[in-house]
Protein backbone atom coordinates (compact mmCIF):
# COMPACT_ATOMS: atom_id res chain seq x y z
CA MET A 1 93.21 107.72 102.94
CA PRO A 2 90.65 107.34 100.18
CA GLN A 3 86.97 106.80 100.76
CA PHE A 4 86.24 103.11 100.33
CA SER A 5 82.93 101.67 99.18
CA GLU A 6 81.60 98.15 99.60
CA LYS A 7 82.86 97.25 96.12
CA ASP A 8 86.38 97.87 97.45
CA CYS A 9 85.89 95.15 100.10
CA VAL A 10 87.73 92.24 98.55
CA LEU A 11 88.33 90.03 101.56
CA ARG A 12 86.49 88.83 104.64
CA GLU A 13 88.87 87.24 107.14
CA ARG A 14 87.80 85.33 110.24
CA ILE A 15 90.23 85.59 113.14
CA TYR A 16 91.38 82.27 114.55
CA TYR A 17 93.21 81.62 117.78
CA SER A 18 96.45 81.12 115.82
CA ASP A 19 96.14 84.72 114.56
CA THR A 20 96.34 86.13 118.08
CA ASP A 21 99.20 86.88 120.44
CA ALA A 22 99.59 86.25 124.17
CA GLY A 23 97.31 89.22 124.85
CA GLY A 24 94.45 87.68 122.87
CA VAL A 25 94.53 90.22 120.05
CA VAL A 26 95.62 89.79 116.45
CA TYR A 27 99.41 89.74 116.24
CA TYR A 28 100.47 92.99 114.57
CA ALA A 29 102.38 91.41 111.65
CA ASN A 30 99.32 89.40 110.58
CA TYR A 31 97.80 92.57 109.16
CA LEU A 32 100.46 92.48 106.44
CA THR A 33 99.17 89.03 105.48
CA TYR A 34 95.63 90.42 105.27
CA PHE A 35 96.92 93.22 103.02
CA GLU A 36 98.63 90.63 100.81
CA LYS A 37 95.52 88.47 100.54
CA ALA A 38 93.33 91.49 99.73
CA ARG A 39 95.74 92.76 97.08
CA THR A 40 95.84 89.29 95.49
CA GLU A 41 92.03 89.13 95.42
CA TRP A 42 91.85 92.64 93.98
CA LEU A 43 94.18 91.62 91.14
CA ARG A 44 92.23 88.39 90.63
CA ARG A 45 89.02 90.42 90.18
CA LEU A 46 90.77 92.18 87.29
CA SER A 47 91.72 88.75 85.83
CA ILE A 48 95.39 89.42 86.51
CA ASP A 49 97.24 86.13 86.94
CA VAL A 50 100.25 86.93 89.12
CA ALA A 51 101.68 83.40 88.70
CA ALA A 52 101.53 83.71 84.90
CA LEU A 53 103.27 87.08 85.06
CA ALA A 54 106.00 85.59 87.25
CA ALA A 55 106.46 82.69 84.80
CA GLU A 56 106.99 85.30 82.06
CA GLY A 57 109.59 87.10 84.18
CA THR A 58 107.47 89.93 85.61
CA LEU A 59 107.55 89.96 89.41
CA PHE A 60 106.34 92.39 92.05
CA VAL A 61 107.94 93.03 95.42
CA VAL A 62 106.91 95.22 98.33
CA SER A 63 109.34 98.12 98.61
CA SER A 64 107.60 99.87 101.49
CA VAL A 65 104.73 99.36 103.86
CA THR A 66 103.04 101.49 106.50
CA VAL A 67 100.38 100.44 108.97
CA ASP A 68 98.44 102.62 111.39
CA TYR A 69 96.81 100.49 114.09
CA ARG A 70 93.60 101.97 115.48
CA SER A 71 91.79 99.24 117.43
CA PRO A 72 92.54 95.60 118.31
CA ALA A 73 90.90 92.70 116.52
CA ARG A 74 90.25 89.58 118.59
CA TYR A 75 89.55 85.88 118.24
CA ALA A 76 86.37 85.11 116.24
CA ASP A 77 86.07 88.64 114.80
CA ILE A 78 85.38 88.83 111.11
CA LEU A 79 87.36 91.53 109.39
CA LYS A 80 86.52 93.25 106.14
CA VAL A 81 89.59 94.27 104.15
CA TYR A 82 89.29 97.06 101.60
CA VAL A 83 91.92 97.82 98.99
CA ALA A 84 92.35 100.46 96.29
CA LEU A 85 95.05 101.30 93.80
CA ALA A 86 96.05 104.78 94.94
CA LYS A 87 98.77 105.58 92.42
CA LEU A 88 100.27 103.94 89.36
CA SER A 89 103.62 104.75 87.76
CA PRO A 90 105.57 102.93 85.04
CA VAL A 91 107.36 100.79 87.67
CA ARG A 92 105.28 101.08 90.87
CA MET A 93 101.80 100.43 92.21
CA HIS A 94 100.72 102.17 95.42
CA PHE A 95 97.88 100.49 97.31
CA ASP A 96 95.77 101.78 100.20
CA TYR A 97 94.08 99.44 102.69
CA ARG A 98 91.44 99.74 105.37
CA ILE A 99 90.42 96.96 107.75
CA VAL A 100 87.20 97.15 109.77
CA ARG A 101 85.35 94.76 112.06
CA GLU A 102 82.30 93.32 110.33
CA GLY A 103 79.04 94.25 112.02
CA THR A 104 80.29 97.38 113.75
CA ASP A 105 82.59 98.71 111.02
CA ALA A 106 85.00 99.73 113.80
CA LEU A 107 88.28 100.82 112.24
CA ILE A 108 91.02 98.28 113.02
CA CYS A 109 93.85 99.60 110.86
CA GLU A 110 94.80 101.46 107.71
CA GLY A 111 97.89 101.05 105.61
CA GLN A 112 99.75 101.42 102.37
CA THR A 113 102.12 99.30 100.32
CA VAL A 114 104.29 100.19 97.38
CA MET A 115 104.86 97.37 94.91
CA VAL A 116 107.80 97.56 92.50
CA CYS A 117 107.88 95.63 89.25
CA ILE A 118 111.13 93.69 88.82
CA ASN A 119 112.58 91.31 86.26
CA LYS A 120 114.16 87.87 86.76
CA GLU A 121 117.43 89.55 87.75
CA PHE A 122 115.57 91.40 90.53
CA LYS A 123 116.14 94.75 88.86
CA PRO A 124 113.37 97.35 88.51
CA ALA A 125 111.43 96.94 85.26
CA ALA A 126 108.56 98.65 83.53
CA ILE A 127 105.12 97.24 84.21
CA PRO A 128 104.09 95.50 80.96
CA GLU A 129 101.82 97.58 78.72
CA ALA A 130 99.05 94.95 78.74
CA LEU A 131 98.97 95.07 82.53
CA MET A 132 99.12 98.88 82.60
CA SER A 133 96.07 99.06 80.36
CA VAL A 134 94.09 96.86 82.77
CA LEU A 135 95.22 98.86 85.82
CA GLN A 136 94.48 102.33 84.42
């Protein structure tokens, strides 16, 4: 995992009761939603309009995801979600994530996603040059 700095913290997420499971901790699949929100905010900071890209026929899908759970998050916690572009290829973006509890910085989880660029026919496609230049 990379070393994250505060500038890599793109999302603060408060945990609500609806985020938790019967055991009172954040339901494990919700971390994927936090990754998604953080990645979207990261792209927004670069002025990348995902909806505009989709309208032009450039889409991105998750082809793989890994999550390593370290500590439970609970109701009313505030989580800080860090994201970084770990690797870029002509068709794929690899992102790393780290989620910590605000205040204590206790590690909650770490993960990775691989995003694949696809066209309207859902076939792999090259990431547009204009986007590549912003990402590099």
